[in-house]
N, C-alpha and C. Protein backbone atom coordinates (compact mmCIF):
# COMPACT_ATOMS: atom_id res chain seq x y z
N UNK A 1 -20.79 -163.02 -4.02
CA UNK A 1 -21.97 -162.91 -3.19
C UNK A 1 -21.74 -163.71 -1.91
N UNK A 2 -21.88 -163.08 -0.72
CA UNK A 2 -21.64 -163.77 0.55
C UNK A 2 -22.60 -164.93 0.78
N UNK A 3 -22.22 -165.83 1.72
CA UNK A 3 -22.97 -167.07 1.94
C UNK A 3 -24.43 -166.83 2.30
N UNK A 4 -24.72 -165.85 3.19
CA UNK A 4 -26.12 -165.63 3.59
C UNK A 4 -26.96 -165.18 2.40
N UNK A 5 -26.39 -164.26 1.58
CA UNK A 5 -27.12 -163.80 0.41
C UNK A 5 -27.34 -164.94 -0.58
N UNK A 6 -26.34 -165.82 -0.71
CA UNK A 6 -26.48 -166.98 -1.59
C UNK A 6 -27.62 -167.87 -1.12
N UNK A 7 -27.65 -168.14 0.20
CA UNK A 7 -28.70 -168.99 0.76
C UNK A 7 -30.07 -168.36 0.53
N UNK A 8 -30.17 -167.04 0.73
CA UNK A 8 -31.45 -166.34 0.52
C UNK A 8 -31.88 -166.41 -0.94
N UNK A 9 -30.94 -166.20 -1.84
CA UNK A 9 -31.25 -166.22 -3.28
C UNK A 9 -31.65 -167.62 -3.73
N UNK A 10 -30.92 -168.63 -3.25
CA UNK A 10 -31.26 -170.01 -3.61
C UNK A 10 -32.67 -170.35 -3.13
N UNK A 11 -32.98 -169.96 -1.90
CA UNK A 11 -34.31 -170.23 -1.34
C UNK A 11 -35.39 -169.51 -2.15
N UNK A 12 -35.11 -168.25 -2.51
CA UNK A 12 -36.10 -167.49 -3.27
C UNK A 12 -36.32 -168.11 -4.66
N UNK A 13 -35.24 -168.49 -5.33
CA UNK A 13 -35.37 -169.07 -6.67
C UNK A 13 -36.13 -170.39 -6.63
N UNK A 14 -35.87 -171.19 -5.59
CA UNK A 14 -36.59 -172.47 -5.46
C UNK A 14 -38.08 -172.24 -5.23
N UNK A 15 -38.37 -171.27 -4.36
CA UNK A 15 -39.77 -170.97 -4.07
C UNK A 15 -40.48 -170.42 -5.29
N UNK A 16 -39.82 -169.56 -6.04
CA UNK A 16 -40.41 -169.02 -7.27
C UNK A 16 -40.71 -170.13 -8.26
N UNK A 17 -39.72 -171.00 -8.46
CA UNK A 17 -39.89 -172.09 -9.43
C UNK A 17 -41.01 -173.04 -9.03
N UNK A 18 -41.17 -173.27 -7.72
CA UNK A 18 -42.17 -174.21 -7.25
C UNK A 18 -43.58 -173.63 -7.21
N UNK A 19 -43.69 -172.39 -6.71
CA UNK A 19 -45.02 -171.83 -6.46
C UNK A 19 -45.49 -170.80 -7.50
N UNK A 20 -44.57 -170.06 -8.08
CA UNK A 20 -44.96 -169.03 -9.06
C UNK A 20 -44.00 -169.06 -10.25
N UNK A 21 -44.07 -170.12 -11.06
CA UNK A 21 -43.13 -170.24 -12.19
C UNK A 21 -43.23 -169.09 -13.18
N UNK A 22 -44.39 -168.45 -13.28
CA UNK A 22 -44.54 -167.31 -14.19
C UNK A 22 -43.68 -166.13 -13.73
N UNK A 23 -43.62 -165.90 -12.43
CA UNK A 23 -42.77 -164.82 -11.89
C UNK A 23 -41.30 -165.17 -12.10
N UNK A 24 -40.94 -166.44 -11.88
CA UNK A 24 -39.55 -166.89 -12.09
C UNK A 24 -39.15 -166.70 -13.55
N UNK A 25 -40.04 -167.04 -14.45
CA UNK A 25 -39.76 -166.91 -15.89
C UNK A 25 -39.56 -165.45 -16.27
N UNK A 26 -40.41 -164.58 -15.75
CA UNK A 26 -40.29 -163.14 -16.05
C UNK A 26 -38.98 -162.58 -15.51
N UNK A 27 -38.63 -162.98 -14.29
CA UNK A 27 -37.37 -162.54 -13.69
C UNK A 27 -36.18 -162.97 -14.53
N UNK A 28 -36.15 -164.24 -14.93
CA UNK A 28 -35.04 -164.76 -15.74
C UNK A 28 -34.96 -164.07 -17.09
N UNK A 29 -36.12 -163.75 -17.68
CA UNK A 29 -36.13 -163.04 -18.96
C UNK A 29 -35.50 -161.66 -18.82
N UNK A 30 -35.87 -160.94 -17.77
CA UNK A 30 -35.33 -159.60 -17.54
C UNK A 30 -33.81 -159.65 -17.31
N UNK A 31 -33.38 -160.63 -16.55
CA UNK A 31 -31.94 -160.76 -16.28
C UNK A 31 -31.19 -161.14 -17.55
N UNK A 32 -31.77 -162.06 -18.34
CA UNK A 32 -31.12 -162.48 -19.58
C UNK A 32 -30.97 -161.31 -20.56
N UNK A 33 -31.99 -160.46 -20.64
CA UNK A 33 -31.93 -159.27 -21.52
C UNK A 33 -30.80 -158.34 -21.08
N UNK A 34 -30.68 -158.13 -19.76
CA UNK A 34 -29.62 -157.27 -19.24
C UNK A 34 -28.24 -157.85 -19.56
N UNK A 35 -28.08 -159.15 -19.37
CA UNK A 35 -26.80 -159.80 -19.66
C UNK A 35 -26.48 -159.79 -21.14
N UNK A 36 -27.50 -159.91 -21.97
CA UNK A 36 -27.28 -159.91 -23.42
C UNK A 36 -26.70 -158.58 -23.89
N UNK A 37 -27.14 -157.48 -23.27
CA UNK A 37 -26.61 -156.17 -23.63
C UNK A 37 -25.11 -156.08 -23.39
N UNK A 38 -24.66 -156.51 -22.23
CA UNK A 38 -23.23 -156.44 -21.93
C UNK A 38 -22.45 -157.49 -22.71
N UNK A 39 -23.09 -158.62 -23.01
CA UNK A 39 -22.44 -159.63 -23.85
C UNK A 39 -22.16 -159.06 -25.24
N UNK A 40 -23.14 -158.34 -25.80
CA UNK A 40 -22.95 -157.74 -27.12
C UNK A 40 -21.86 -156.68 -27.10
N UNK A 41 -21.80 -155.90 -26.02
CA UNK A 41 -20.73 -154.91 -25.88
C UNK A 41 -19.37 -155.60 -25.89
N UNK A 42 -19.25 -156.70 -25.13
CA UNK A 42 -17.99 -157.43 -25.07
C UNK A 42 -17.63 -158.00 -26.44
N UNK A 43 -18.61 -158.55 -27.14
CA UNK A 43 -18.33 -159.11 -28.48
C UNK A 43 -17.84 -158.03 -29.44
N UNK A 44 -18.35 -156.82 -29.30
CA UNK A 44 -17.92 -155.72 -30.16
C UNK A 44 -16.48 -155.27 -29.86
N UNK A 45 -15.98 -155.61 -28.68
CA UNK A 45 -14.61 -155.24 -28.30
C UNK A 45 -13.57 -156.24 -28.81
N UNK A 46 -14.01 -157.37 -29.33
CA UNK A 46 -13.08 -158.39 -29.83
C UNK A 46 -12.39 -157.85 -31.09
N UNK A 47 -11.06 -157.77 -31.08
CA UNK A 47 -10.35 -157.26 -32.26
C UNK A 47 -10.44 -158.22 -33.45
N UNK A 48 -10.53 -157.65 -34.65
CA UNK A 48 -10.60 -158.48 -35.86
C UNK A 48 -9.26 -159.14 -36.18
N UNK A 49 -8.20 -158.56 -35.68
CA UNK A 49 -6.87 -159.07 -36.03
C UNK A 49 -5.92 -158.86 -34.86
N UNK A 50 -5.11 -159.84 -34.58
CA UNK A 50 -4.02 -159.72 -33.62
C UNK A 50 -2.73 -159.84 -34.43
N UNK A 51 -1.85 -158.87 -34.32
CA UNK A 51 -0.65 -158.82 -35.15
C UNK A 51 0.44 -159.80 -34.66
N UNK A 52 0.05 -161.05 -34.58
CA UNK A 52 0.96 -162.14 -34.25
C UNK A 52 0.69 -163.25 -35.26
N UNK A 53 1.54 -163.34 -36.25
CA UNK A 53 1.32 -164.26 -37.37
C UNK A 53 1.09 -165.69 -36.91
N UNK A 54 1.85 -166.16 -35.94
CA UNK A 54 1.72 -167.54 -35.49
C UNK A 54 0.54 -167.77 -34.55
N UNK A 55 -0.16 -166.70 -34.19
CA UNK A 55 -1.32 -166.82 -33.30
C UNK A 55 -2.63 -166.81 -34.10
N UNK A 56 -2.62 -166.18 -35.27
CA UNK A 56 -3.83 -166.07 -36.07
C UNK A 56 -4.20 -167.42 -36.71
N UNK A 57 -5.49 -167.70 -36.72
CA UNK A 57 -5.99 -168.93 -37.35
C UNK A 57 -5.73 -168.87 -38.85
N UNK A 58 -5.15 -169.93 -39.40
CA UNK A 58 -4.87 -169.95 -40.83
C UNK A 58 -5.43 -171.20 -41.51
N UNK A 59 -6.22 -171.98 -40.77
CA UNK A 59 -6.84 -173.17 -41.35
C UNK A 59 -5.94 -174.39 -41.38
N UNK A 60 -4.71 -174.27 -40.94
CA UNK A 60 -3.78 -175.39 -40.96
C UNK A 60 -3.76 -176.09 -39.60
N UNK A 61 -3.32 -177.34 -39.59
CA UNK A 61 -3.15 -178.06 -38.34
C UNK A 61 -1.74 -177.80 -37.84
N UNK A 62 -1.65 -177.29 -36.64
CA UNK A 62 -0.34 -176.93 -36.08
C UNK A 62 0.03 -177.87 -34.95
N UNK A 63 1.32 -178.10 -34.81
CA UNK A 63 1.83 -178.93 -33.73
C UNK A 63 2.55 -178.04 -32.73
N UNK A 64 2.58 -178.51 -31.51
CA UNK A 64 3.27 -177.78 -30.45
C UNK A 64 4.58 -178.47 -30.13
N UNK A 65 5.63 -177.69 -30.00
CA UNK A 65 6.93 -178.25 -29.63
C UNK A 65 6.94 -178.69 -28.18
N UNK A 66 6.16 -178.00 -27.33
CA UNK A 66 6.19 -178.26 -25.90
C UNK A 66 5.04 -179.15 -25.42
N UNK A 67 3.94 -179.19 -26.18
CA UNK A 67 2.79 -180.01 -25.77
C UNK A 67 2.13 -180.58 -27.02
N UNK A 68 2.58 -181.74 -27.43
CA UNK A 68 2.13 -182.31 -28.70
C UNK A 68 0.65 -182.69 -28.70
N UNK A 69 0.09 -183.04 -27.54
CA UNK A 69 -1.31 -183.45 -27.50
C UNK A 69 -2.27 -182.27 -27.42
N UNK A 70 -1.77 -181.08 -27.08
CA UNK A 70 -2.64 -179.92 -26.89
C UNK A 70 -1.94 -178.67 -27.40
N UNK A 71 -1.94 -178.45 -28.73
CA UNK A 71 -1.21 -177.29 -29.27
C UNK A 71 -1.80 -175.96 -28.83
N UNK A 72 -0.98 -174.93 -28.92
CA UNK A 72 -1.38 -173.58 -28.54
C UNK A 72 -2.57 -173.15 -29.40
N UNK A 73 -3.61 -172.56 -28.79
CA UNK A 73 -4.80 -172.19 -29.57
C UNK A 73 -4.52 -171.10 -30.59
N UNK A 74 -5.29 -171.09 -31.66
CA UNK A 74 -5.18 -170.08 -32.70
C UNK A 74 -6.33 -169.09 -32.58
N UNK A 75 -6.04 -167.85 -32.93
CA UNK A 75 -7.02 -166.77 -32.77
C UNK A 75 -7.89 -166.62 -34.02
N UNK A 76 -9.18 -166.82 -33.83
CA UNK A 76 -10.18 -166.58 -34.86
C UNK A 76 -11.22 -165.66 -34.24
N UNK A 77 -11.33 -164.40 -34.69
CA UNK A 77 -12.24 -163.46 -34.03
C UNK A 77 -13.70 -163.93 -33.98
N UNK A 78 -14.14 -164.64 -35.01
CA UNK A 78 -15.52 -165.13 -35.03
C UNK A 78 -15.75 -166.16 -33.92
N UNK A 79 -14.77 -167.03 -33.71
CA UNK A 79 -14.87 -168.05 -32.66
C UNK A 79 -14.83 -167.39 -31.28
N UNK A 80 -13.96 -166.39 -31.14
CA UNK A 80 -13.85 -165.68 -29.86
C UNK A 80 -15.16 -164.96 -29.54
N UNK A 81 -15.76 -164.32 -30.55
CA UNK A 81 -17.04 -163.62 -30.33
C UNK A 81 -18.14 -164.60 -29.92
N UNK A 82 -18.22 -165.72 -30.63
CA UNK A 82 -19.24 -166.72 -30.29
C UNK A 82 -19.01 -167.30 -28.90
N UNK A 83 -17.74 -167.33 -28.48
CA UNK A 83 -17.40 -167.90 -27.17
C UNK A 83 -17.78 -167.03 -26.00
N UNK A 84 -18.10 -165.76 -26.25
CA UNK A 84 -18.53 -164.87 -25.16
C UNK A 84 -20.02 -165.08 -24.96
N UNK A 85 -20.37 -165.73 -23.87
CA UNK A 85 -21.75 -166.12 -23.62
C UNK A 85 -22.17 -165.76 -22.20
N UNK A 86 -23.48 -165.69 -22.02
CA UNK A 86 -24.03 -165.47 -20.69
C UNK A 86 -24.32 -166.83 -20.05
N UNK A 87 -24.22 -166.87 -18.76
CA UNK A 87 -24.47 -168.12 -18.03
C UNK A 87 -25.36 -167.79 -16.84
N UNK A 88 -26.48 -168.49 -16.76
CA UNK A 88 -27.40 -168.30 -15.65
C UNK A 88 -27.42 -169.57 -14.81
N UNK A 89 -26.92 -169.46 -13.61
CA UNK A 89 -26.82 -170.62 -12.73
C UNK A 89 -25.65 -170.43 -11.79
N UNK A 90 -25.69 -171.12 -10.69
CA UNK A 90 -24.68 -170.96 -9.65
C UNK A 90 -23.32 -171.45 -10.12
N UNK A 91 -22.29 -170.63 -9.89
CA UNK A 91 -20.92 -171.00 -10.22
C UNK A 91 -20.26 -171.67 -9.02
N UNK A 92 -19.12 -172.26 -9.24
CA UNK A 92 -18.35 -172.82 -8.13
C UNK A 92 -17.80 -171.68 -7.28
N UNK A 93 -17.68 -171.89 -5.98
CA UNK A 93 -17.11 -170.84 -5.12
C UNK A 93 -15.66 -170.53 -5.51
N UNK A 94 -15.29 -169.24 -5.46
CA UNK A 94 -13.90 -168.90 -5.72
C UNK A 94 -13.09 -169.10 -4.44
N UNK A 95 -11.83 -168.69 -4.43
CA UNK A 95 -10.97 -168.95 -3.27
C UNK A 95 -11.45 -168.21 -2.02
N UNK A 96 -12.28 -167.18 -2.21
CA UNK A 96 -12.80 -166.43 -1.07
C UNK A 96 -14.18 -166.94 -0.66
N UNK A 97 -14.70 -167.96 -1.35
CA UNK A 97 -16.00 -168.52 -1.02
C UNK A 97 -17.17 -167.86 -1.71
N UNK A 98 -16.90 -166.89 -2.60
CA UNK A 98 -17.98 -166.20 -3.30
C UNK A 98 -18.43 -166.99 -4.53
N UNK A 99 -19.71 -166.91 -4.82
CA UNK A 99 -20.25 -167.55 -6.02
C UNK A 99 -21.02 -166.52 -6.83
N UNK A 100 -21.24 -166.84 -8.09
CA UNK A 100 -22.05 -166.00 -8.96
C UNK A 100 -23.25 -166.79 -9.46
N UNK A 101 -24.31 -166.08 -9.76
CA UNK A 101 -25.51 -166.72 -10.30
C UNK A 101 -25.74 -166.31 -11.75
N UNK A 102 -25.23 -165.16 -12.13
CA UNK A 102 -25.41 -164.64 -13.48
C UNK A 102 -24.04 -164.18 -13.96
N UNK A 103 -23.54 -164.81 -15.02
CA UNK A 103 -22.16 -164.60 -15.43
C UNK A 103 -22.04 -164.31 -16.92
N UNK A 104 -20.93 -163.68 -17.26
CA UNK A 104 -20.51 -163.49 -18.63
C UNK A 104 -19.14 -164.13 -18.74
N UNK A 105 -18.99 -165.12 -19.61
CA UNK A 105 -17.73 -165.85 -19.70
C UNK A 105 -17.27 -165.94 -21.16
N UNK A 106 -15.98 -166.24 -21.32
CA UNK A 106 -15.44 -166.49 -22.66
C UNK A 106 -15.00 -167.94 -22.71
N UNK A 107 -15.72 -168.74 -23.47
CA UNK A 107 -15.46 -170.18 -23.53
C UNK A 107 -14.30 -170.55 -24.45
N UNK A 108 -13.90 -169.65 -25.36
CA UNK A 108 -12.83 -170.01 -26.30
C UNK A 108 -11.47 -169.84 -25.64
N UNK A 109 -10.57 -170.77 -25.92
CA UNK A 109 -9.22 -170.72 -25.32
C UNK A 109 -8.45 -169.50 -25.80
N UNK A 110 -8.54 -169.21 -27.10
CA UNK A 110 -7.84 -168.04 -27.62
C UNK A 110 -8.41 -166.76 -27.02
N UNK A 111 -9.73 -166.72 -26.86
CA UNK A 111 -10.36 -165.55 -26.25
C UNK A 111 -9.93 -165.36 -24.81
N UNK A 112 -9.81 -166.45 -24.08
CA UNK A 112 -9.35 -166.38 -22.69
C UNK A 112 -7.92 -165.87 -22.63
N UNK A 113 -7.09 -166.28 -23.60
CA UNK A 113 -5.71 -165.79 -23.65
C UNK A 113 -5.66 -164.29 -23.89
N UNK A 114 -6.45 -163.83 -24.87
CA UNK A 114 -6.48 -162.39 -25.16
C UNK A 114 -6.99 -161.63 -23.95
N UNK A 115 -8.00 -162.17 -23.30
CA UNK A 115 -8.59 -161.52 -22.12
C UNK A 115 -7.59 -161.37 -20.99
N UNK A 116 -6.77 -162.39 -20.74
CA UNK A 116 -6.00 -162.42 -19.50
C UNK A 116 -4.48 -162.44 -19.65
N UNK A 117 -3.94 -162.46 -20.85
CA UNK A 117 -2.49 -162.58 -21.02
C UNK A 117 -1.76 -161.48 -20.26
N UNK A 118 -0.84 -161.89 -19.42
CA UNK A 118 -0.06 -160.95 -18.63
C UNK A 118 -0.64 -160.67 -17.27
N UNK A 119 -1.79 -161.23 -16.97
CA UNK A 119 -2.45 -160.94 -15.70
C UNK A 119 -1.65 -161.50 -14.51
N UNK A 120 -0.99 -162.61 -14.72
CA UNK A 120 -0.22 -163.20 -13.63
C UNK A 120 1.27 -163.09 -13.83
N UNK A 121 1.73 -161.98 -14.38
CA UNK A 121 3.14 -161.84 -14.74
C UNK A 121 3.98 -161.19 -13.64
N UNK A 122 3.75 -161.55 -12.42
CA UNK A 122 4.52 -160.95 -11.34
C UNK A 122 4.98 -162.06 -10.39
N UNK A 123 6.20 -162.58 -10.49
CA UNK A 123 7.23 -162.19 -11.45
C UNK A 123 7.04 -162.89 -12.79
N UNK A 124 7.62 -162.35 -13.87
CA UNK A 124 7.46 -163.00 -15.18
C UNK A 124 8.12 -164.37 -15.21
N UNK A 125 7.45 -165.31 -15.86
CA UNK A 125 7.99 -166.66 -15.97
C UNK A 125 8.82 -166.78 -17.25
N UNK A 126 9.72 -167.74 -17.25
CA UNK A 126 10.56 -167.94 -18.43
C UNK A 126 9.72 -168.50 -19.57
N UNK A 127 10.01 -168.05 -20.78
CA UNK A 127 9.29 -168.53 -21.95
C UNK A 127 9.86 -169.87 -22.40
N UNK A 128 8.98 -170.75 -22.90
CA UNK A 128 9.43 -172.03 -23.44
C UNK A 128 9.81 -171.90 -24.92
N UNK A 129 9.61 -170.74 -25.48
CA UNK A 129 9.93 -170.50 -26.88
C UNK A 129 11.44 -170.39 -27.08
N UNK A 130 11.87 -170.57 -28.34
CA UNK A 130 13.28 -170.33 -28.67
C UNK A 130 13.62 -168.86 -28.49
N UNK A 131 12.61 -168.00 -28.56
CA UNK A 131 12.79 -166.57 -28.37
C UNK A 131 12.54 -166.25 -26.90
N UNK A 132 13.56 -165.87 -26.14
CA UNK A 132 13.37 -165.62 -24.71
C UNK A 132 12.43 -164.44 -24.42
N UNK A 133 12.20 -163.59 -25.40
CA UNK A 133 11.32 -162.43 -25.23
C UNK A 133 9.91 -162.69 -25.76
N UNK A 134 9.62 -163.93 -26.15
CA UNK A 134 8.35 -164.25 -26.80
C UNK A 134 7.15 -163.89 -25.92
N UNK A 135 7.22 -164.23 -24.64
CA UNK A 135 6.10 -163.98 -23.73
C UNK A 135 5.81 -162.48 -23.65
N UNK A 136 6.84 -161.68 -23.45
CA UNK A 136 6.67 -160.23 -23.35
C UNK A 136 6.11 -159.65 -24.65
N UNK A 137 6.63 -160.11 -25.78
CA UNK A 137 6.16 -159.61 -27.08
C UNK A 137 4.70 -159.99 -27.32
N UNK A 138 4.33 -161.21 -26.93
CA UNK A 138 2.96 -161.69 -27.08
C UNK A 138 2.01 -160.79 -26.29
N UNK A 139 2.34 -160.56 -25.04
CA UNK A 139 1.48 -159.74 -24.18
C UNK A 139 1.41 -158.30 -24.68
N UNK A 140 2.55 -157.75 -25.05
CA UNK A 140 2.58 -156.36 -25.53
C UNK A 140 1.75 -156.19 -26.80
N UNK A 141 1.85 -157.15 -27.73
CA UNK A 141 1.09 -157.06 -28.98
C UNK A 141 -0.41 -157.17 -28.72
N UNK A 142 -0.80 -158.10 -27.87
CA UNK A 142 -2.22 -158.24 -27.54
C UNK A 142 -2.75 -156.96 -26.88
N UNK A 143 -1.96 -156.40 -25.96
CA UNK A 143 -2.37 -155.14 -25.31
C UNK A 143 -2.56 -154.04 -26.34
N UNK A 144 -1.63 -153.93 -27.28
CA UNK A 144 -1.73 -152.90 -28.32
C UNK A 144 -2.95 -153.11 -29.21
N UNK A 145 -3.22 -154.37 -29.57
CA UNK A 145 -4.31 -154.67 -30.50
C UNK A 145 -5.69 -154.64 -29.84
N UNK A 146 -5.72 -154.60 -28.51
CA UNK A 146 -7.00 -154.53 -27.81
C UNK A 146 -7.22 -153.16 -27.17
N UNK A 147 -6.35 -152.23 -27.48
CA UNK A 147 -6.56 -150.85 -27.02
C UNK A 147 -5.95 -150.51 -25.68
N UNK A 148 -4.99 -151.29 -25.22
CA UNK A 148 -4.31 -150.91 -23.99
C UNK A 148 -4.18 -152.03 -22.98
N UNK A 149 -3.97 -151.63 -21.75
CA UNK A 149 -3.69 -152.58 -20.68
C UNK A 149 -4.96 -153.25 -20.16
N UNK A 150 -4.79 -154.09 -19.17
CA UNK A 150 -5.91 -154.78 -18.54
C UNK A 150 -6.81 -153.80 -17.80
N UNK A 151 -8.11 -154.00 -17.93
CA UNK A 151 -9.10 -153.18 -17.22
C UNK A 151 -9.43 -153.86 -15.91
N UNK A 152 -9.65 -153.08 -14.87
CA UNK A 152 -9.93 -153.63 -13.54
C UNK A 152 -11.40 -153.48 -13.19
N UNK A 153 -12.03 -154.60 -12.81
CA UNK A 153 -13.41 -154.57 -12.34
C UNK A 153 -13.44 -155.32 -11.01
N UNK A 154 -13.21 -154.59 -9.95
CA UNK A 154 -13.10 -155.21 -8.63
C UNK A 154 -11.66 -155.28 -8.19
N UNK A 155 -11.43 -155.92 -7.06
CA UNK A 155 -10.10 -156.00 -6.48
C UNK A 155 -9.48 -157.36 -6.75
N UNK A 156 -8.19 -157.37 -6.89
CA UNK A 156 -7.48 -158.63 -7.08
C UNK A 156 -7.12 -158.86 -8.54
N UNK A 157 -6.05 -159.63 -8.73
CA UNK A 157 -5.53 -159.86 -10.07
C UNK A 157 -6.53 -160.58 -10.97
N UNK A 158 -7.40 -161.40 -10.39
CA UNK A 158 -8.36 -162.14 -11.21
C UNK A 158 -9.57 -161.31 -11.60
N UNK A 159 -9.56 -160.06 -11.27
CA UNK A 159 -10.65 -159.15 -11.65
C UNK A 159 -10.18 -158.19 -12.75
N UNK A 160 -9.22 -158.63 -13.56
CA UNK A 160 -8.71 -157.78 -14.63
C UNK A 160 -8.74 -158.51 -15.97
N UNK A 161 -9.09 -157.80 -17.02
CA UNK A 161 -9.11 -158.37 -18.36
C UNK A 161 -9.30 -157.30 -19.41
N UNK A 162 -9.29 -157.71 -20.67
CA UNK A 162 -9.30 -156.74 -21.77
C UNK A 162 -10.63 -156.64 -22.50
N UNK A 163 -11.47 -157.66 -22.43
CA UNK A 163 -12.70 -157.66 -23.23
C UNK A 163 -13.92 -157.66 -22.32
N UNK A 164 -14.18 -158.78 -21.65
CA UNK A 164 -15.34 -158.86 -20.77
C UNK A 164 -15.21 -157.86 -19.62
N UNK A 165 -14.02 -157.76 -19.04
CA UNK A 165 -13.83 -156.84 -17.92
C UNK A 165 -13.95 -155.38 -18.37
N UNK A 166 -13.47 -155.10 -19.57
CA UNK A 166 -13.63 -153.74 -20.09
C UNK A 166 -15.11 -153.43 -20.31
N UNK A 167 -15.85 -154.38 -20.86
CA UNK A 167 -17.30 -154.19 -21.05
C UNK A 167 -17.98 -153.94 -19.72
N UNK A 168 -17.56 -154.65 -18.68
CA UNK A 168 -18.14 -154.47 -17.34
C UNK A 168 -17.82 -153.09 -16.78
N UNK A 169 -16.58 -152.63 -16.96
CA UNK A 169 -16.18 -151.31 -16.48
C UNK A 169 -16.97 -150.22 -17.20
N UNK A 170 -17.06 -150.34 -18.51
CA UNK A 170 -17.76 -149.32 -19.31
C UNK A 170 -19.26 -149.33 -19.05
N UNK A 171 -19.79 -150.44 -18.56
CA UNK A 171 -21.22 -150.54 -18.25
C UNK A 171 -21.60 -149.71 -17.02
N UNK A 172 -20.62 -149.39 -16.18
CA UNK A 172 -20.85 -148.57 -14.97
C UNK A 172 -21.91 -149.16 -14.04
N UNK A 173 -22.00 -150.47 -13.96
CA UNK A 173 -22.91 -151.11 -13.02
C UNK A 173 -24.37 -151.17 -13.44
N UNK A 174 -24.67 -150.79 -14.69
CA UNK A 174 -26.08 -150.78 -15.14
C UNK A 174 -26.66 -152.20 -15.17
N UNK A 175 -25.89 -153.18 -15.63
CA UNK A 175 -26.38 -154.55 -15.68
C UNK A 175 -26.58 -155.10 -14.26
N UNK A 176 -25.63 -154.82 -13.39
CA UNK A 176 -25.77 -155.25 -12.00
C UNK A 176 -27.04 -154.67 -11.39
N UNK A 177 -27.29 -153.39 -11.65
CA UNK A 177 -28.49 -152.75 -11.11
C UNK A 177 -29.76 -153.37 -11.71
N UNK A 178 -29.73 -153.67 -13.00
CA UNK A 178 -30.90 -154.30 -13.65
C UNK A 178 -31.18 -155.67 -13.05
N UNK A 179 -30.14 -156.42 -12.74
CA UNK A 179 -30.32 -157.75 -12.12
C UNK A 179 -30.91 -157.60 -10.72
N UNK A 180 -30.38 -156.66 -9.95
CA UNK A 180 -30.91 -156.45 -8.59
C UNK A 180 -32.36 -156.00 -8.63
N UNK A 181 -32.70 -155.14 -9.59
CA UNK A 181 -34.09 -154.70 -9.72
C UNK A 181 -35.02 -155.85 -10.09
N UNK A 182 -34.55 -156.73 -11.00
CA UNK A 182 -35.36 -157.89 -11.39
C UNK A 182 -35.58 -158.82 -10.21
N UNK A 183 -34.54 -159.02 -9.40
CA UNK A 183 -34.66 -159.87 -8.21
C UNK A 183 -35.63 -159.26 -7.20
N UNK A 184 -35.50 -157.96 -7.00
CA UNK A 184 -36.37 -157.28 -6.04
C UNK A 184 -37.83 -157.29 -6.51
N UNK A 185 -38.01 -157.08 -7.81
CA UNK A 185 -39.37 -157.12 -8.38
C UNK A 185 -39.99 -158.50 -8.21
N UNK A 186 -39.20 -159.55 -8.46
CA UNK A 186 -39.70 -160.92 -8.31
C UNK A 186 -40.04 -161.21 -6.85
N UNK A 187 -39.18 -160.74 -5.94
CA UNK A 187 -39.43 -160.95 -4.51
C UNK A 187 -40.73 -160.28 -4.09
N UNK A 188 -40.94 -159.04 -4.56
CA UNK A 188 -42.16 -158.29 -4.22
C UNK A 188 -43.39 -158.97 -4.80
N UNK A 189 -43.30 -159.41 -6.06
CA UNK A 189 -44.43 -160.09 -6.72
C UNK A 189 -44.75 -161.39 -6.02
N UNK A 190 -43.72 -162.12 -5.60
CA UNK A 190 -43.92 -163.38 -4.90
C UNK A 190 -44.62 -163.16 -3.56
N UNK A 191 -44.17 -162.13 -2.81
CA UNK A 191 -44.80 -161.82 -1.54
C UNK A 191 -46.26 -161.43 -1.72
N UNK A 192 -46.52 -160.67 -2.79
CA UNK A 192 -47.89 -160.27 -3.08
C UNK A 192 -48.76 -161.50 -3.39
N UNK A 193 -48.21 -162.45 -4.15
CA UNK A 193 -48.95 -163.67 -4.47
C UNK A 193 -49.22 -164.49 -3.21
N UNK A 194 -48.26 -164.53 -2.29
CA UNK A 194 -48.45 -165.24 -1.02
C UNK A 194 -49.56 -164.58 -0.18
N UNK A 195 -49.52 -163.25 -0.16
CA UNK A 195 -50.53 -162.51 0.62
C UNK A 195 -51.94 -162.77 0.10
N UNK A 196 -52.07 -162.83 -1.22
CA UNK A 196 -53.38 -163.08 -1.82
C UNK A 196 -53.87 -164.49 -1.53
N UNK A 197 -52.92 -165.43 -1.50
CA UNK A 197 -53.28 -166.82 -1.27
C UNK A 197 -53.63 -167.10 0.20
N UNK A 198 -53.15 -166.23 1.09
CA UNK A 198 -53.36 -166.45 2.53
C UNK A 198 -54.80 -166.20 2.94
């Protein structure tokens, strides 16, 4: 969202919260319902099993050969599903200066790996594993177990993923439209309340 639109939205949200909290609450409820729908779609896309024996959660404590204080995360589909959550609030600006106010994120480390593995593989980096092909095999297996390659939602390498981004692509902009409608409805209701008070 460009800077001017961000400033307008921030001003509108502050005014709603201060002068018409009931309108702000209704707007947030409508937006949360829209986000919940796409969140559930994303959770349904989480595979029950990844065919990588050393990646699957097995209840044991594992050590890392390369990073002893922070071992490689293990994949547990229940944890990954719970980690896909909606976030309402301003995000940090990205490298282009854009921010988001309503987000769908994956908080689990294993989920983030499944979502993005191979996204920055140009050129491919050397694997730290004893198996020089480990990185390629990891990415290929995840792609196979999640139904294919990375899905693109927008431009740029950071707009590609397998779960949340696929849910966004399959949504065809319905959630985005619902959010814009909720914002427009709140703006109209707020203006109407101002007119009545004048």
